[in-house]
Amino acid sequence: MYLKSAVAVFLIAAVPVCAHAQQKAPPKATKADAERVVKIISGDKAKTQQFCELAKLDDQIGEAESKKDTKKVEELTQQLGGMEQKLGPEYMSFMDGVQQVDPNSAEGKEITTVLDALDKLCK
């Protein structure tokens, strides 16, 4: 599930790209930003549950994509956007900033490692 969560975060981060395309690029997310978001989410039971539901939804999106069901992908992606808002402004800011990070870079891998803590809460 570790890899799923990391991929989910970077994929979920891609969703708002179109909505923010005309705005100035947000600051790049850092390991410290990831740590702050993990602390906020893991410290709040409702936010932890919401994050776990997002991870499940992301799995469903992956399944729909593998089946080439674009209608289902669009439907689930819309649900995803609404659910993300409930995790708070820090999470939303982090998600905007993580778009600027290459998931295969050292920095991206560091962020992924930090986010693994959230993954463990969803088991």
Protein backbone atom coordinates (compact mmCIF):
# COMPACT_ATOMS: atom_id res chain seq x y z
CA MET A 1 0.00 0.00 0.00
CA TYR A 2 3.04 2.28 0.46
CA LEU A 3 3.52 2.68 -3.26
CA LYS A 4 -0.21 3.12 -3.82
CA SER A 5 -0.39 6.00 -1.38
CA ALA A 6 2.59 7.75 -2.88
CA VAL A 7 1.26 7.35 -6.39
CA ALA A 8 -2.18 8.39 -5.18
CA VAL A 9 -0.85 11.61 -3.72
CA PHE A 10 0.97 12.53 -6.90
CA LEU A 11 -2.02 11.54 -9.05
CA ILE A 12 -4.49 13.34 -6.84
CA ALA A 13 -2.24 16.37 -7.06
CA ALA A 14 -2.56 16.29 -10.83
CA VAL A 15 -6.35 16.70 -10.69
CA PRO A 16 -6.37 20.39 -9.77
CA VAL A 17 -3.77 21.25 -12.43
CA CYS A 18 -6.40 22.15 -15.00
CA ALA A 19 -8.33 24.28 -12.54
CA HIS A 20 -5.22 26.22 -11.59
CA ALA A 21 -3.62 26.37 -15.04
CA GLN A 22 -4.14 30.11 -15.38
CA GLN A 23 -2.88 30.93 -11.89
CA LYS A 24 0.71 31.46 -10.83
CA ALA A 25 2.45 28.20 -9.94
CA PRO A 26 2.34 27.48 -6.20
CA PRO A 27 5.56 27.03 -4.24
CA LYS A 28 7.10 23.59 -4.51
CA ALA A 29 6.12 21.21 -1.70
CA THR A 30 8.87 20.15 0.66
CA LYS A 31 9.49 17.32 3.09
CA ALA A 32 8.60 19.74 5.91
CA ASP A 33 5.26 20.47 4.20
CA ALA A 34 4.58 16.74 3.96
CA GLU A 35 5.45 16.28 7.64
CA ARG A 36 3.10 19.10 8.63
CA VAL A 37 0.24 17.60 6.60
CA VAL A 38 0.85 14.12 8.04
CA LYS A 39 0.80 15.56 11.56
CA ILE A 40 -2.46 17.43 10.92
CA ILE A 41 -4.24 14.49 9.32
CA SER A 42 -2.96 11.83 11.71
CA GLY A 43 -3.89 14.01 14.69
CA ASP A 44 -7.54 14.27 13.64
CA LYS A 45 -9.64 11.10 13.46
CA ALA A 46 -12.12 12.58 10.97
CA LYS A 47 -9.34 13.77 8.66
CA THR A 48 -7.60 10.40 8.91
CA GLN A 49 -10.80 8.66 7.88
CA GLN A 50 -11.29 11.16 5.05
CA PHE A 51 -7.74 10.53 3.81
CA CYS A 52 -8.32 6.77 3.85
CA GLU A 53 -11.53 7.23 1.87
CA LEU A 54 -9.55 9.29 -0.65
CA ALA A 55 -7.04 6.45 -0.99
CA LYS A 56 -9.87 3.98 -1.66
CA LEU A 57 -11.37 6.34 -4.22
CA ASP A 58 -8.00 6.63 -5.90
CA ASP A 59 -7.85 2.83 -6.14
CA GLN A 60 -11.25 2.89 -7.83
CA ILE A 61 -10.00 5.53 -10.27
CA GLY A 62 -7.02 3.31 -11.08
CA GLU A 63 -9.33 0.36 -11.75
CA ALA A 64 -11.57 2.48 -13.99
CA GLU A 65 -8.52 3.77 -15.87
CA SER A 66 -7.26 0.24 -16.45
CA LYS A 67 -10.68 -0.64 -17.88
CA LYS A 68 -10.58 2.52 -20.03
CA ASP A 69 -13.86 3.67 -18.42
CA THR A 70 -13.40 7.41 -18.90
CA LYS A 71 -16.92 8.22 -17.72
CA LYS A 72 -16.29 6.47 -14.39
CA VAL A 73 -12.87 8.13 -14.07
CA GLU A 74 -14.42 11.57 -14.54
CA GLU A 75 -17.19 10.81 -12.05
CA LEU A 76 -14.76 9.55 -9.41
CA THR A 77 -12.34 12.42 -10.02
CA GLN A 78 -15.12 14.92 -9.30
CA GLN A 79 -15.87 13.14 -6.02
CA LEU A 80 -12.19 13.23 -5.21
CA GLY A 81 -12.00 17.01 -5.53
CA GLY A 82 -14.86 17.56 -3.11
CA MET A 83 -13.41 15.15 -0.58
CA GLU A 84 -9.99 16.81 -0.66
CA GLN A 85 -11.46 20.10 0.51
CA LYS A 86 -12.48 18.46 3.78
CA LEU A 87 -8.84 17.79 4.66
CA GLY A 88 -8.20 21.49 5.10
CA PRO A 89 -6.23 24.34 3.56
CA GLU A 90 -2.84 22.94 4.54
CA TYR A 91 -3.57 19.75 2.64
CA MET A 92 -4.85 21.66 -0.37
CA SER A 93 -1.78 23.90 -0.39
CA PHE A 94 0.47 20.85 -0.10
CA MET A 95 -1.34 19.16 -2.98
CA ASP A 96 -0.86 22.24 -5.15
CA GLY A 97 2.84 22.34 -4.28
CA VAL A 98 3.47 18.64 -4.76
CA GLN A 99 2.63 19.09 -8.45
CA GLN A 100 5.95 20.89 -8.74
CA VAL A 101 7.87 17.84 -7.45
CA ASP A 102 9.09 14.99 -9.63
CA PRO A 103 7.96 11.82 -7.80
CA ASN A 104 11.11 10.04 -9.01
CA SER A 105 13.49 12.70 -7.69
CA ALA A 106 15.23 12.41 -4.32
CA GLU A 107 12.89 15.09 -2.98
CA GLY A 108 9.84 13.25 -4.33
CA LYS A 109 10.99 10.01 -2.74
CA GLU A 110 11.53 11.80 0.59
CA ILE A 111 8.00 13.17 0.47
CA THR A 112 6.69 9.72 -0.41
CA THR A 113 8.47 8.24 2.61
CA VAL A 114 6.89 10.83 4.90
CA LEU A 115 3.43 10.17 3.44
CA ASP A 116 3.85 6.47 4.16
CA ALA A 117 2.83 7.27 7.75
CA LEU A 118 -0.66 8.12 6.51
CA ASP A 119 -0.80 4.89 4.56
CA LYS A 120 -0.19 2.93 7.75
CA LEU A 121 -3.19 4.60 9.37
CA CYS A 122 -5.47 3.25 6.64
CA LYS A 123 -4.70 -0.43 7.22
